[in-house]
Amino acid sequence: MRPFLPDPVDLRWLVRSLELKSFSAAAREMDVAVSVVSRGVDRLEAGFGISLLRRSTHGLSATPEGAELVQGAREVLGRLDEMAASFDKRRHHVAGSVRLASSQEICEQLVVPQLAALRERHPALRIELVADDRVVDLVTDGIDVALRTTLGNSEAVIARELGSFERRLYAAPDYLRRHGHPAEPADLHQHQTVTHTAQGPDVTWAFRQGGRKLEVTLTSQLAASSTALLHRALVAGAGIGMLSQPMAAADERAGQLVEVLKPFAPKKRYTMYAVSLPNRRNASRIQAVTAFLQQAARQSWGLAPR
């Protein structure tokens, strides 16, 4: 016959009931019904086939067998608590590899400047940066966390908002000195424009004029395969192009870029998300990187979730 193996929860009921000399006091402490505690002790007595407690008007006291069991139970429960604490610490320990995908521009401006702080906070964490303007597939490309401004319907992801921003038109002061400032959106047809190759040869830019939406379709004279290249081309004076305000902010403050057609800005906002797969949402390394991205977006670009 197999020996009786007591439930650790029942052992805990027994120990606390004797320490507090009352079933009701133990039940209040554990926030359970008194019957739950007493039934647990009953199971122990039935399982071992011995009496463990004496009940009197002065409260509960242990029989010799009960005192022996309580002593052993304390050792067992203490060891279980130690194991639970060890595994909990391990579960919350931030370690392992995280593949983080974003565009080259976002990677350079938002992620890289803050990496030292992340490494200092979590030295056992390994980050692999994947810089690509295309929308990566989390499963196929083996990506743990990706930064996106659009959420498609083709895959189920957990999206955490980092904040929102606007996109505006910019040009270098040197370009504007040579070609002049466009006074209204239609004047863009007389200017050199720089766009992203993903948009194709023709691009439509939206504006607001007198409270109504206005669109201008242009054929670009220069196209770049990444936002980073597009940005560098604008600073170099290649023409007028669209950038996210946070990306252009430093160059605008330094006088290397000037916003164009500011009175006609569409005021449309775009939201940046950190996305991950649902089955990895609770991994400590994913949570740590997501929290890092939210902090970096706030510190570097002044973004914050709604």
C-alpha atoms as a PDB file:
ATOM      1  CA  MET A   1       0.000   0.000   0.000  1.00  0.00           C
ATOM      2  CA  ARG A   2       1.283   3.442  -0.911  1.00  0.00           C
ATOM      3  CA  PRO A   3       1.995   5.679   2.087  1.00  0.00           C
ATOM      4  CA  PHE A   4      -0.252   8.668   2.664  1.00  0.00           C
ATOM      5  CA  LEU A   5       1.172  11.875   1.162  1.00  0.00           C
ATOM      6  CA  PRO A   6      -0.349  14.959   2.766  1.00  0.00           C
ATOM      7  CA  ASP A   7      -1.318  18.046   0.813  1.00  0.00           C
ATOM      8  CA  PRO A   8       1.093  20.910   1.697  1.00  0.00           C
ATOM      9  CA  VAL A   9      -1.902  23.241   1.947  1.00  0.00           C
ATOM     10  CA  ASP A  10      -3.446  21.026   4.617  1.00  0.00           C
ATOM     11  CA  LEU A  11      -0.134  20.996   6.461  1.00  0.00           C
ATOM     12  CA  ARG A  12      -0.120  24.778   6.393  1.00  0.00           C
ATOM     13  CA  TRP A  13      -3.665  24.816   7.841  1.00  0.00           C
ATOM     14  CA  LEU A  14      -2.507  22.547  10.666  1.00  0.00           C
ATOM     15  CA  VAL A  15       0.599  24.567  11.500  1.00  0.00           C
ATOM     16  CA  ARG A  16      -1.147  27.956  11.545  1.00  0.00           C
ATOM     17  CA  SER A  17      -4.158  26.621  13.457  1.00  0.00           C
ATOM     18  CA  LEU A  18      -1.891  25.362  16.221  1.00  0.00           C
ATOM     19  CA  GLU A  19       0.265  28.489  16.210  1.00  0.00           C
ATOM     20  CA  LEU A  20      -2.853  30.667  16.520  1.00  0.00           C
ATOM     21  CA  LYS A  21      -4.689  28.043  18.672  1.00  0.00           C
ATOM     22  CA  SER A  22      -7.795  28.534  16.558  1.00  0.00           C
ATOM     23  CA  PHE A  23      -9.292  27.385  13.265  1.00  0.00           C
ATOM     24  CA  SER A  24     -11.166  30.666  12.903  1.00  0.00           C
ATOM     25  CA  ALA A  25      -8.020  32.768  13.436  1.00  0.00           C
ATOM     26  CA  ALA A  26      -6.150  30.740  10.798  1.00  0.00           C
ATOM     27  CA  ALA A  27      -9.105  31.074   8.426  1.00  0.00           C
ATOM     28  CA  ARG A  28      -9.215  34.847   8.862  1.00  0.00           C
ATOM     29  CA  GLU A  29      -5.498  35.123   8.240  1.00  0.00           C
ATOM     30  CA  MET A  30      -5.738  33.042   5.047  1.00  0.00           C
ATOM     31  CA  ASP A  31      -9.021  34.694   4.004  1.00  0.00           C
ATOM     32  CA  VAL A  32     -10.917  31.397   3.703  1.00  0.00           C
ATOM     33  CA  ALA A  33     -13.904  29.837   5.434  1.00  0.00           C
ATOM     34  CA  VAL A  34     -13.338  28.114   8.778  1.00  0.00           C
ATOM     35  CA  SER A  35     -14.701  24.904   7.273  1.00  0.00           C
ATOM     36  CA  VAL A  36     -11.899  24.910   4.686  1.00  0.00           C
ATOM     37  CA  VAL A  37      -9.277  24.898   7.446  1.00  0.00           C
ATOM     38  CA  SER A  38     -10.997  22.303   9.628  1.00  0.00           C
ATOM     39  CA  ARG A  39     -11.594  19.954   6.679  1.00  0.00           C
ATOM     40  CA  GLY A  40      -7.915  20.202   5.780  1.00  0.00           C
ATOM     41  CA  VAL A  41      -6.933  19.068   9.268  1.00  0.00           C
ATOM     42  CA  ASP A  42      -9.586  16.337   9.143  1.00  0.00           C
ATOM     43  CA  ARG A  43      -7.983  15.009   5.941  1.00  0.00           C
ATOM     44  CA  LEU A  44      -4.620  14.805   7.672  1.00  0.00           C
ATOM     45  CA  GLU A  45      -6.037  12.930  10.638  1.00  0.00           C
ATOM     46  CA  ALA A  46      -7.937  10.543   8.359  1.00  0.00           C
ATOM     47  CA  GLY A  47      -4.922  10.012   6.117  1.00  0.00           C
ATOM     48  CA  PHE A  48      -2.485   9.287   8.933  1.00  0.00           C
ATOM     49  CA  GLY A  49      -5.121   7.521  11.010  1.00  0.00           C
ATOM     50  CA  ILE A  50      -4.177   9.421  14.158  1.00  0.00           C
ATOM     51  CA  SER A  51      -5.472  12.318  16.211  1.00  0.00           C
ATOM     52  CA  LEU A  52      -3.404  15.461  15.719  1.00  0.00           C
ATOM     53  CA  LEU A  53      -5.259  18.058  17.772  1.00  0.00           C
ATOM     54  CA  ARG A  54      -6.952  18.443  21.121  1.00  0.00           C
ATOM     55  CA  ARG A  55      -9.899  20.795  21.117  1.00  0.00           C
ATOM     56  CA  SER A  56     -10.906  22.579  24.327  1.00  0.00           C
ATOM     57  CA  THR A  57     -12.399  25.831  25.523  1.00  0.00           C
ATOM     58  CA  HIS A  58      -8.848  27.183  25.763  1.00  0.00           C
ATOM     59  CA  GLY A  59      -8.271  26.562  22.059  1.00  0.00           C
ATOM     60  CA  LEU A  60      -6.335  24.033  20.060  1.00  0.00           C
ATOM     61  CA  SER A  61      -3.303  22.098  21.236  1.00  0.00           C
ATOM     62  CA  ALA A  62      -1.252  19.353  19.621  1.00  0.00           C
ATOM     63  CA  THR A  63      -1.195  15.696  20.536  1.00  0.00           C
ATOM     64  CA  PRO A  64       2.314  14.186  20.731  1.00  0.00           C
ATOM     65  CA  GLU A  65       1.863  12.884  17.176  1.00  0.00           C
ATOM     66  CA  GLY A  66       0.527  16.252  16.105  1.00  0.00           C
ATOM     67  CA  ALA A  67       3.533  18.070  17.593  1.00  0.00           C
ATOM     68  CA  GLU A  68       5.892  15.715  15.738  1.00  0.00           C
ATOM     69  CA  LEU A  69       4.035  16.256  12.468  1.00  0.00           C
ATOM     70  CA  VAL A  70       4.026  20.039  12.914  1.00  0.00           C
ATOM     71  CA  GLN A  71       7.780  20.055  13.434  1.00  0.00           C
ATOM     72  CA  GLY A  72       8.334  18.103  10.223  1.00  0.00           C
ATOM     73  CA  ALA A  73       5.706  20.166   8.392  1.00  0.00           C
ATOM     74  CA  ARG A  74       7.501  23.405   9.218  1.00  0.00           C
ATOM     75  CA  GLU A  75      10.684  22.054   7.635  1.00  0.00           C
ATOM     76  CA  VAL A  76       8.824  20.853   4.528  1.00  0.00           C
ATOM     77  CA  LEU A  77       6.852  24.087   4.120  1.00  0.00           C
ATOM     78  CA  GLY A  78       9.985  26.177   4.624  1.00  0.00           C
ATOM     79  CA  ARG A  79      11.771  24.242   1.895  1.00  0.00           C
ATOM     80  CA  LEU A  80       8.774  24.611  -0.444  1.00  0.00           C
ATOM     81  CA  ASP A  81       8.705  28.369   0.201  1.00  0.00           C
ATOM     82  CA  GLU A  82      12.413  28.582  -0.614  1.00  0.00           C
ATOM     83  CA  MET A  83      11.897  26.683  -3.870  1.00  0.00           C
ATOM     84  CA  ALA A  84       8.927  28.868  -4.826  1.00  0.00           C
ATOM     85  CA  ALA A  85      10.940  32.039  -4.147  1.00  0.00           C
ATOM     86  CA  SER A  86      13.849  30.689  -6.190  1.00  0.00           C
ATOM     87  CA  PHE A  87      11.669  29.868  -9.192  1.00  0.00           C
ATOM     88  CA  ASP A  88       9.829  33.186  -8.910  1.00  0.00           C
ATOM     89  CA  LYS A  89      13.134  35.042  -8.916  1.00  0.00           C
ATOM     90  CA  ARG A  90      14.252  33.011 -11.930  1.00  0.00           C
ATOM     91  CA  ARG A  91      10.969  33.713 -13.728  1.00  0.00           C
ATOM     92  CA  HIS A  92      11.421  37.454 -13.251  1.00  0.00           C
ATOM     93  CA  HIS A  93      15.141  37.419 -13.999  1.00  0.00           C
ATOM     94  CA  VAL A  94      15.720  39.230 -17.273  1.00  0.00           C
ATOM     95  CA  ALA A  95      18.081  37.160 -19.400  1.00  0.00           C
ATOM     96  CA  GLY A  96      18.332  35.625 -22.861  1.00  0.00           C
ATOM     97  CA  SER A  97      18.174  37.018 -26.390  1.00  0.00           C
ATOM     98  CA  VAL A  98      15.682  39.441 -27.898  1.00  0.00           C
ATOM     99  CA  ARG A  99      15.545  40.151 -31.630  1.00  0.00           C
ATOM    100  CA  LEU A 100      14.321  43.732 -31.990  1.00  0.00           C
ATOM    101  CA  ALA A 101      13.231  44.964 -35.429  1.00  0.00           C
ATOM    102  CA  SER A 102      12.736  48.547 -36.555  1.00  0.00           C
ATOM    103  CA  SER A 103      13.642  50.819 -39.434  1.00  0.00           C
ATOM    104  CA  GLN A 104      17.267  51.942 -39.695  1.00  0.00           C
ATOM    105  CA  GLU A 105      16.261  55.500 -38.800  1.00  0.00           C
ATOM    106  CA  ILE A 106      14.319  54.550 -35.672  1.00  0.00           C
ATOM    107  CA  CYS A 107      17.067  52.155 -34.657  1.00  0.00           C
ATOM    108  CA  GLU A 108      19.738  54.855 -34.908  1.00  0.00           C
ATOM    109  CA  GLN A 109      17.747  57.664 -33.300  1.00  0.00           C
ATOM    110  CA  LEU A 110      15.568  55.957 -30.724  1.00  0.00           C
ATOM    111  CA  VAL A 111      17.046  52.577 -29.800  1.00  0.00           C
ATOM    112  CA  VAL A 112      20.836  52.793 -30.030  1.00  0.00           C
ATOM    113  CA  PRO A 113      21.317  55.933 -27.876  1.00  0.00           C
ATOM    114  CA  GLN A 114      19.470  54.244 -24.996  1.00  0.00           C
ATOM    115  CA  LEU A 115      21.035  50.777 -25.235  1.00  0.00           C
ATOM    116  CA  ALA A 116      23.722  51.452 -22.639  1.00  0.00           C
ATOM    117  CA  ALA A 117      21.048  52.117 -20.008  1.00  0.00           C
ATOM    118  CA  LEU A 118      19.245  48.896 -20.945  1.00  0.00           C
ATOM    119  CA  ARG A 119      22.456  46.861 -20.754  1.00  0.00           C
ATOM    120  CA  GLU A 120      23.293  48.370 -17.376  1.00  0.00           C
ATOM    121  CA  ARG A 121      19.852  47.525 -16.035  1.00  0.00           C
ATOM    122  CA  HIS A 122      19.806  43.976 -17.453  1.00  0.00           C
ATOM    123  CA  PRO A 123      23.384  42.771 -18.041  1.00  0.00           C
ATOM    124  CA  ALA A 124      22.267  39.199 -18.821  1.00  0.00           C
ATOM    125  CA  LEU A 125      20.085  40.403 -21.705  1.00  0.00           C
ATOM    126  CA  ARG A 126      21.352  40.041 -25.280  1.00  0.00           C
ATOM    127  CA  ILE A 127      19.856  42.359 -27.922  1.00  0.00           C
ATOM    128  CA  GLU A 128      20.001  41.616 -31.641  1.00  0.00           C
ATOM    129  CA  LEU A 129      18.998  44.637 -33.727  1.00  0.00           C
ATOM    130  CA  VAL A 130      17.323  43.997 -37.086  1.00  0.00           C
ATOM    131  CA  ALA A 131      17.164  47.247 -39.064  1.00  0.00           C
ATOM    132  CA  ASP A 132      14.783  47.074 -42.016  1.00  0.00           C
ATOM    133  CA  ASP A 133      12.171  49.484 -43.378  1.00  0.00           C
ATOM    134  CA  ARG A 134       9.896  46.651 -44.453  1.00  0.00           C
ATOM    135  CA  VAL A 135       7.251  45.263 -42.117  1.00  0.00           C
ATOM    136  CA  VAL A 136       8.854  42.064 -40.826  1.00  0.00           C
ATOM    137  CA  ASP A 137       6.905  38.900 -40.086  1.00  0.00           C
ATOM    138  CA  LEU A 138       7.387  38.083 -36.417  1.00  0.00           C
ATOM    139  CA  VAL A 139       7.148  34.325 -36.914  1.00  0.00           C
ATOM    140  CA  THR A 140       8.967  33.890 -40.236  1.00  0.00           C
ATOM    141  CA  ASP A 141      11.755  36.338 -39.389  1.00  0.00           C
ATOM    142  CA  GLY A 142      12.078  35.162 -35.784  1.00  0.00           C
ATOM    143  CA  ILE A 143      11.414  38.607 -34.325  1.00  0.00           C
ATOM    144  CA  ASP A 144      10.600  39.003 -30.627  1.00  0.00           C
ATOM    145  CA  VAL A 145       9.668  42.700 -30.644  1.00  0.00           C
ATOM    146  CA  ALA A 146       9.065  45.016 -33.609  1.00  0.00           C
ATOM    147  CA  LEU A 147       8.397  48.743 -33.810  1.00  0.00           C
ATOM    148  CA  ARG A 148       5.540  49.609 -36.160  1.00  0.00           C
ATOM    149  CA  THR A 149       3.282  52.490 -37.078  1.00  0.00           C
ATOM    150  CA  THR A 150       0.657  50.250 -38.659  1.00  0.00           C
ATOM    151  CA  LEU A 151      -1.138  47.171 -37.370  1.00  0.00           C
ATOM    152  CA  GLY A 152      -2.241  44.751 -40.069  1.00  0.00           C
ATOM    153  CA  ASN A 153      -4.933  42.109 -39.825  1.00  0.00           C
ATOM    154  CA  SER A 154      -2.778  39.259 -41.130  1.00  0.00           C
ATOM    155  CA  GLU A 155      -1.255  38.255 -37.792  1.00  0.00           C
ATOM    156  CA  ALA A 156      -2.301  38.263 -34.158  1.00  0.00           C
ATOM    157  CA  VAL A 157       0.052  40.423 -32.094  1.00  0.00           C
ATOM    158  CA  ILE A 158       0.162  42.121 -28.737  1.00  0.00           C
ATOM    159  CA  ALA A 159       0.607  45.844 -29.423  1.00  0.00           C
ATOM    160  CA  ARG A 160       1.801  48.298 -26.790  1.00  0.00           C
ATOM    161  CA  GLU A 161       1.470  51.949 -27.714  1.00  0.00           C
ATOM    162  CA  LEU A 162       4.576  54.127 -27.404  1.00  0.00           C
ATOM    163  CA  GLY A 163       2.986  57.397 -28.491  1.00  0.00           C
ATOM    164  CA  SER A 164       1.821  59.345 -31.530  1.00  0.00           C
ATOM    165  CA  PHE A 165       3.367  61.967 -33.797  1.00  0.00           C
ATOM    166  CA  GLU A 166       2.833  63.902 -37.039  1.00  0.00           C
ATOM    167  CA  ARG A 167       4.654  63.773 -40.347  1.00  0.00           C
ATOM    168  CA  ARG A 168       5.658  67.046 -41.963  1.00  0.00           C
ATOM    169  CA  LEU A 169       7.554  68.307 -45.025  1.00  0.00           C
ATOM    170  CA  TYR A 170      11.174  69.417 -44.589  1.00  0.00           C
ATOM    171  CA  ALA A 171      14.020  70.804 -46.668  1.00  0.00           C
ATOM    172  CA  ALA A 172      17.542  72.065 -45.993  1.00  0.00           C
ATOM    173  CA  PRO A 173      18.061  75.844 -45.731  1.00  0.00           C
ATOM    174  CA  ASP A 174      20.560  75.615 -48.608  1.00  0.00           C
ATOM    175  CA  TYR A 175      17.948  74.026 -50.882  1.00  0.00           C
ATOM    176  CA  LEU A 176      15.388  76.721 -49.997  1.00  0.00           C
ATOM    177  CA  ARG A 177      17.920  79.484 -50.656  1.00  0.00           C
ATOM    178  CA  ARG A 178      18.540  78.063 -54.117  1.00  0.00           C
ATOM    179  CA  HIS A 179      14.960  77.184 -55.042  1.00  0.00           C
ATOM    180  CA  GLY A 180      12.804  79.346 -52.824  1.00  0.00           C
ATOM    181  CA  HIS A 181      10.030  78.448 -50.364  1.00  0.00           C
ATOM    182  CA  PRO A 182       6.811  76.997 -51.772  1.00  0.00           C
ATOM    183  CA  ALA A 183       3.968  79.326 -50.757  1.00  0.00           C
ATOM    184  CA  GLU A 184       1.214  76.751 -51.148  1.00  0.00           C
ATOM    185  CA  PRO A 185       0.973  72.997 -51.846  1.00  0.00           C
ATOM    186  CA  ALA A 186       0.508  73.456 -55.613  1.00  0.00           C
ATOM    187  CA  ASP A 187       3.958  75.093 -55.772  1.00  0.00           C
ATOM    188  CA  LEU A 188       5.536  71.709 -55.030  1.00  0.00           C
ATOM    189  CA  HIS A 189       5.232  70.881 -58.739  1.00  0.00           C
ATOM    190  CA  GLN A 190       8.082  73.380 -59.322  1.00  0.00           C
ATOM    191  CA  HIS A 191      10.314  71.760 -56.686  1.00  0.00           C
ATOM    192  CA  GLN A 192      12.527  68.712 -56.389  1.00  0.00           C
ATOM    193  CA  THR A 193      11.012  66.091 -54.134  1.00  0.00           C
ATOM    194  CA  VAL A 194      12.552  63.175 -52.255  1.00  0.00           C
ATOM    195  CA  THR A 195      10.421  60.107 -51.454  1.00  0.00           C
ATOM    196  CA  HIS A 196      10.674  56.496 -50.311  1.00  0.00           C
ATOM    197  CA  THR A 197      10.944  53.839 -53.026  1.00  0.00           C
ATOM    198  CA  ALA A 198       8.157  51.873 -51.328  1.00  0.00           C
ATOM    199  CA  GLN A 199       5.755  54.638 -52.409  1.00  0.00           C
ATOM    200  CA  GLY A 200       6.531  54.190 -56.101  1.00  0.00           C
ATOM    201  CA  PRO A 201       7.444  56.958 -58.572  1.00  0.00           C
ATOM    202  CA  ASP A 202       4.319  58.992 -57.794  1.00  0.00           C
ATOM    203  CA  VAL A 203       3.424  60.088 -54.282  1.00  0.00           C
ATOM    204  CA  THR A 204       0.338  61.891 -52.962  1.00  0.00           C
ATOM    205  CA  TRP A 205       0.795  64.261 -50.052  1.00  0.00           C
ATOM    206  CA  ALA A 206      -2.192  65.478 -48.061  1.00  0.00           C
ATOM    207  CA  PHE A 207      -2.656  69.017 -46.713  1.00  0.00           C
ATOM    208  CA  ARG A 208      -5.348  71.123 -45.098  1.00  0.00           C
ATOM    209  CA  GLN A 209      -6.331  74.458 -46.615  1.00  0.00           C
ATOM    210  CA  GLY A 210      -9.151  76.568 -45.244  1.00  0.00           C
ATOM    211  CA  GLY A 211     -10.474  73.678 -43.161  1.00  0.00           C
ATOM    212  CA  ARG A 212     -10.684  71.274 -46.099  1.00  0.00           C
ATOM    213  CA  LYS A 213      -8.440  68.447 -47.231  1.00  0.00           C
ATOM    214  CA  LEU A 214      -6.181  69.098 -50.199  1.00  0.00           C
ATOM    215  CA  GLU A 215      -4.038  66.504 -51.985  1.00  0.00           C
ATOM    216  CA  VAL A 216      -1.108  67.004 -54.350  1.00  0.00           C
ATOM    217  CA  THR A 217       0.307  64.145 -56.456  1.00  0.00           C
ATOM    218  CA  LEU A 218       3.956  64.465 -57.446  1.00  0.00           C
ATOM    219  CA  THR A 219       6.585  62.487 -59.303  1.00  0.00           C
ATOM    220  CA  SER A 220       9.741  62.424 -57.230  1.00  0.00           C
ATOM    221  CA  GLN A 221      13.144  63.248 -58.675  1.00  0.00           C
ATOM    222  CA  LEU A 222      14.935  61.162 -56.039  1.00  0.00           C
ATOM    223  CA  ALA A 223      13.770  58.054 -54.217  1.00  0.00           C
ATOM    224  CA  ALA A 224      15.546  56.273 -51.343  1.00  0.00           C
ATOM    225  CA  SER A 225      15.073  52.698 -50.165  1.00  0.00           C
ATOM    226  CA  SER A 226      15.198  53.654 -46.475  1.00  0.00           C
ATOM    227  CA  THR A 227      13.956  56.506 -44.330  1.00  0.00           C
ATOM    228  CA  ALA A 228      17.518  57.009 -43.088  1.00  0.00           C
ATOM    229  CA  LEU A 229      18.771  57.644 -46.642  1.00  0.00           C
ATOM    230  CA  LEU A 230      15.812  59.919 -47.358  1.00  0.00           C
ATOM    231  CA  HIS A 231      16.633  61.903 -44.219  1.00  0.00           C
ATOM    232  CA  ARG A 232      20.307  62.240 -45.162  1.00  0.00           C
ATOM    233  CA  ALA A 233      19.355  63.372 -48.664  1.00  0.00           C
ATOM    234  CA  LEU A 234      17.122  66.132 -47.285  1.00  0.00           C
ATOM    235  CA  VAL A 235      19.861  67.399 -44.957  1.00  0.00           C
ATOM    236  CA  ALA A 236      22.242  67.389 -47.943  1.00  0.00           C
ATOM    237  CA  GLY A 237      19.889  69.719 -49.831  1.00  0.00           C
ATOM    238  CA  ALA A 238      18.485  67.250 -52.369  1.00  0.00           C
ATOM    239  CA  GLY A 239      14.921  68.561 -52.167  1.00  0.00           C
ATOM    240  CA  ILE A 240      11.722  68.539 -50.131  1.00  0.00           C
ATOM    241  CA  GLY A 241      10.519  65.382 -48.407  1.00  0.00           C
ATOM    242  CA  MET A 242       8.328  63.946 -45.665  1.00  0.00           C
ATOM    243  CA  LEU A 243       9.724  62.998 -42.236  1.00  0.00           C
ATOM    244  CA  SER A 244       8.250  62.166 -38.863  1.00  0.00           C
ATOM    245  CA  GLN A 245       8.501  65.188 -36.582  1.00  0.00           C
ATOM    246  CA  PRO A 246      10.518  63.362 -33.887  1.00  0.00           C
ATOM    247  CA  MET A 247      13.064  62.247 -36.491  1.00  0.00           C
ATOM    248  CA  ALA A 248      13.519  65.756 -37.853  1.00  0.00           C
ATOM    249  CA  ALA A 249      13.481  67.568 -34.497  1.00  0.00           C
ATOM    250  CA  ALA A 250      17.240  67.499 -33.798  1.00  0.00           C
ATOM    251  CA  ASP A 251      18.152  68.698 -37.306  1.00  0.00           C
ATOM    252  CA  GLU A 252      15.476  71.380 -37.135  1.00  0.00           C
ATOM    253  CA  ARG A 253      16.903  72.661 -33.830  1.00  0.00           C
ATOM    254  CA  ALA A 254      20.398  72.617 -35.340  1.00  0.00           C
ATOM    255  CA  GLY A 255      19.228  74.622 -38.347  1.00  0.00           C
ATOM    256  CA  GLN A 256      19.905  71.793 -40.797  1.00  0.00           C
ATOM    257  CA  LEU A 257      16.260  71.325 -41.750  1.00  0.00           C
ATOM    258  CA  VAL A 258      13.332  73.721 -42.068  1.00  0.00           C
ATOM    259  CA  GLU A 259       9.662  72.758 -42.058  1.00  0.00           C
ATOM    260  CA  VAL A 260       7.968  73.526 -45.362  1.00  0.00           C
ATOM    261  CA  LEU A 261       4.312  74.555 -45.846  1.00  0.00           C
ATOM    262  CA  LYS A 262       3.711  74.543 -42.094  1.00  0.00           C
ATOM    263  CA  PRO A 263       0.342  76.439 -42.337  1.00  0.00           C
ATOM    264  CA  PHE A 264      -0.981  73.638 -44.554  1.00  0.00           C
ATOM    265  CA  ALA A 265       0.042  70.714 -42.288  1.00  0.00           C
ATOM    266  CA  PRO A 266      -2.668  68.001 -42.287  1.00  0.00           C
ATOM    267  CA  LYS A 267      -2.358  67.456 -38.497  1.00  0.00           C
ATOM    268  CA  LYS A 268      -2.816  63.707 -38.994  1.00  0.00           C
ATOM    269  CA  ARG A 269      -1.290  61.663 -36.178  1.00  0.00           C
ATOM    270  CA  TYR A 270       0.465  58.322 -36.493  1.00  0.00           C
ATOM    271  CA  THR A 271       0.886  55.904 -33.599  1.00  0.00           C
ATOM    272  CA  MET A 272       4.004  53.883 -32.893  1.00  0.00           C
ATOM    273  CA  TYR A 273       3.623  50.447 -31.333  1.00  0.00           C
ATOM    274  CA  ALA A 274       5.929  47.821 -29.896  1.00  0.00           C
ATOM    275  CA  VAL A 275       4.449  44.516 -31.049  1.00  0.00           C
ATOM    276  CA  SER A 276       5.179  40.952 -29.977  1.00  0.00           C
ATOM    277  CA  LEU A 277       3.588  37.534 -30.294  1.00  0.00           C
ATOM    278  CA  PRO A 278       0.892  36.597 -27.757  1.00  0.00           C
ATOM    279  CA  ASN A 279       2.735  33.494 -26.575  1.00  0.00           C
ATOM    280  CA  ARG A 280       5.713  35.629 -25.512  1.00  0.00           C
ATOM    281  CA  ARG A 281       3.824  38.466 -23.855  1.00  0.00           C
ATOM    282  CA  ASN A 282       4.688  37.363 -20.301  1.00  0.00           C
ATOM    283  CA  ALA A 283       8.367  36.596 -20.900  1.00  0.00           C
ATOM    284  CA  SER A 284      10.419  38.843 -18.616  1.00  0.00           C
ATOM    285  CA  ARG A 285      12.877  39.708 -21.399  1.00  0.00           C
ATOM    286  CA  ILE A 286      10.039  40.854 -23.698  1.00  0.00           C
ATOM    287  CA  GLN A 287       8.453  42.924 -20.950  1.00  0.00           C
ATOM    288  CA  ALA A 288      11.825  44.494 -20.134  1.00  0.00           C
ATOM    289  CA  VAL A 289      12.497  45.484 -23.749  1.00  0.00           C
ATOM    290  CA  THR A 290       8.978  46.854 -24.212  1.00  0.00           C
ATOM    291  CA  ALA A 291       9.311  48.946 -21.049  1.00  0.00           C
ATOM    292  CA  PHE A 292      12.693  50.154 -22.316  1.00  0.00           C
ATOM    293  CA  LEU A 293      11.167  51.219 -25.641  1.00  0.00           C
ATOM    294  CA  GLN A 294       8.387  53.132 -23.902  1.00  0.00           C
ATOM    295  CA  GLN A 295      10.951  54.926 -21.758  1.00  0.00           C
ATOM    296  CA  ALA A 296      13.220  55.632 -24.746  1.00  0.00           C
ATOM    297  CA  ALA A 297      10.301  57.054 -26.771  1.00  0.00           C
ATOM    298  CA  ARG A 298       9.415  59.335 -23.877  1.00  0.00           C
ATOM    299  CA  GLN A 299      12.956  60.524 -23.182  1.00  0.00           C
ATOM    300  CA  SER A 300      14.227  60.859 -26.749  1.00  0.00           C
ATOM    301  CA  TRP A 301      11.106  61.929 -28.638  1.00  0.00           C
ATOM    302  CA  GLY A 302       8.690  63.106 -25.960  1.00  0.00           C
ATOM    303  CA  LEU A 303       6.156  60.409 -26.892  1.00  0.00           C
ATOM    304  CA  ALA A 304       3.741  58.882 -24.417  1.00  0.00           C
ATOM    305  CA  PRO A 305       0.799  56.446 -24.690  1.00  0.00           C
ATOM    306  CA  ARG A 306      -2.644  57.992 -24.621  1.00  0.00           C
END
